[in-house]
Amino acid sequence: MRDIIIHEYFGVTLDMIWVVATEDIHDLKAKVEEIIESNK
């Protein structure tokens, strides 16, 4: 998604941003928490 936003910003829709903000962020949070826990 980052590449799309950076390189094809005219093709990014509000629907795409909404999915990232409301759905994909949960997966990212879980992965970050896992990394933090593994580095304690």
N, C-alpha and C. Protein backbone atom coordinates (compact mmCIF):
# COMPACT_ATOMS: atom_id res chain seq x y z
N MET A 1 0.82 -1.18 0.00
CA MET A 1 0.00 0.00 0.00
C MET A 1 0.87 1.25 0.00
N ARG A 2 1.98 1.22 0.72
CA ARG A 2 2.86 2.37 0.78
C ARG A 2 3.32 2.78 -0.62
N ASP A 3 3.72 1.80 -1.43
CA ASP A 3 4.17 2.09 -2.79
C ASP A 3 3.07 2.73 -3.62
N ILE A 4 1.87 2.26 -3.45
CA ILE A 4 0.74 2.83 -4.20
C ILE A 4 0.53 4.28 -3.80
N ILE A 5 0.55 4.54 -2.51
CA ILE A 5 0.33 5.91 -2.05
C ILE A 5 1.45 6.83 -2.53
N ILE A 6 2.68 6.36 -2.48
CA ILE A 6 3.80 7.20 -2.87
C ILE A 6 3.89 7.40 -4.37
N HIS A 7 3.72 6.34 -5.14
CA HIS A 7 3.97 6.41 -6.58
C HIS A 7 2.72 6.61 -7.43
N GLU A 8 1.57 6.28 -6.90
CA GLU A 8 0.36 6.39 -7.69
C GLU A 8 -0.72 7.12 -6.90
N TYR A 9 -0.33 8.24 -6.34
CA TYR A 9 -1.26 8.94 -5.44
C TYR A 9 -2.53 9.40 -6.13
N PHE A 10 -2.52 9.56 -7.45
CA PHE A 10 -3.76 9.92 -8.14
C PHE A 10 -4.70 8.72 -8.24
N GLY A 11 -4.18 7.52 -8.03
CA GLY A 11 -5.01 6.33 -8.10
C GLY A 11 -5.53 5.88 -6.74
N VAL A 12 -5.15 6.58 -5.68
CA VAL A 12 -5.58 6.23 -4.34
C VAL A 12 -6.98 6.80 -4.10
N THR A 13 -7.86 5.94 -3.62
CA THR A 13 -9.23 6.39 -3.36
C THR A 13 -9.48 6.45 -1.85
N LEU A 14 -10.51 7.16 -1.48
CA LEU A 14 -10.88 7.21 -0.06
C LEU A 14 -11.26 5.83 0.46
N ASP A 15 -11.83 5.00 -0.40
CA ASP A 15 -12.18 3.64 0.01
C ASP A 15 -10.93 2.84 0.37
N MET A 16 -9.87 3.01 -0.41
CA MET A 16 -8.62 2.31 -0.12
C MET A 16 -8.05 2.76 1.22
N ILE A 17 -8.05 4.05 1.45
CA ILE A 17 -7.54 4.59 2.72
C ILE A 17 -8.39 4.10 3.88
N TRP A 18 -9.70 4.04 3.69
CA TRP A 18 -10.59 3.58 4.75
C TRP A 18 -10.30 2.12 5.13
N VAL A 19 -10.06 1.28 4.15
CA VAL A 19 -9.74 -0.13 4.42
C VAL A 19 -8.45 -0.23 5.23
N VAL A 20 -7.45 0.53 4.85
CA VAL A 20 -6.19 0.51 5.59
C VAL A 20 -6.40 0.99 7.02
N ALA A 21 -7.13 2.08 7.17
CA ALA A 21 -7.33 2.68 8.49
C ALA A 21 -8.20 1.83 9.41
N THR A 22 -9.12 1.07 8.85
CA THR A 22 -10.06 0.35 9.70
C THR A 22 -9.83 -1.16 9.76
N GLU A 23 -9.14 -1.72 8.77
CA GLU A 23 -8.96 -3.17 8.74
C GLU A 23 -7.49 -3.58 8.78
N ASP A 24 -6.69 -3.08 7.88
CA ASP A 24 -5.29 -3.49 7.78
C ASP A 24 -4.48 -3.07 8.99
N ILE A 25 -4.87 -2.01 9.65
CA ILE A 25 -4.10 -1.50 10.78
C ILE A 25 -4.05 -2.51 11.93
N HIS A 26 -5.08 -3.34 12.04
CA HIS A 26 -5.11 -4.34 13.12
C HIS A 26 -4.00 -5.38 12.93
N ASP A 27 -3.77 -5.79 11.69
CA ASP A 27 -2.69 -6.75 11.41
C ASP A 27 -1.34 -6.11 11.69
N LEU A 28 -1.18 -4.86 11.31
CA LEU A 28 0.07 -4.16 11.55
C LEU A 28 0.33 -4.03 13.05
N LYS A 29 -0.68 -3.67 13.80
CA LYS A 29 -0.53 -3.54 15.25
C LYS A 29 -0.09 -4.86 15.88
N ALA A 30 -0.70 -5.95 15.47
CA ALA A 30 -0.36 -7.27 16.01
C ALA A 30 1.10 -7.62 15.70
N LYS A 31 1.54 -7.32 14.49
CA LYS A 31 2.92 -7.62 14.11
C LYS A 31 3.91 -6.77 14.89
N VAL A 32 3.60 -5.51 15.07
CA VAL A 32 4.48 -4.62 15.84
C VAL A 32 4.55 -5.08 17.29
N GLU A 33 3.42 -5.45 17.87
CA GLU A 33 3.41 -5.94 19.25
C GLU A 33 4.25 -7.22 19.37
N GLU A 34 4.17 -8.08 18.38
CA GLU A 34 4.96 -9.32 18.38
C GLU A 34 6.44 -9.00 18.35
N ILE A 35 6.83 -8.06 17.52
CA ILE A 35 8.25 -7.66 17.43
C ILE A 35 8.72 -7.07 18.75
N ILE A 36 7.90 -6.23 19.34
CA ILE A 36 8.27 -5.62 20.62
C ILE A 36 8.46 -6.68 21.69
N GLU A 37 7.53 -7.63 21.75
CA GLU A 37 7.62 -8.70 22.75
C GLU A 37 8.85 -9.57 22.54
N SER A 38 9.20 -9.82 21.30
CA SER A 38 10.35 -10.69 21.03
C SER A 38 11.69 -10.00 21.32
N ASN A 39 11.67 -8.70 21.48
CA ASN A 39 12.90 -7.96 21.75
C ASN A 39 13.04 -7.58 23.22
N LYS A 40 12.20 -8.10 24.09
CA LYS A 40 12.30 -7.80 25.53
C LYS A 40 13.31 -8.70 26.19
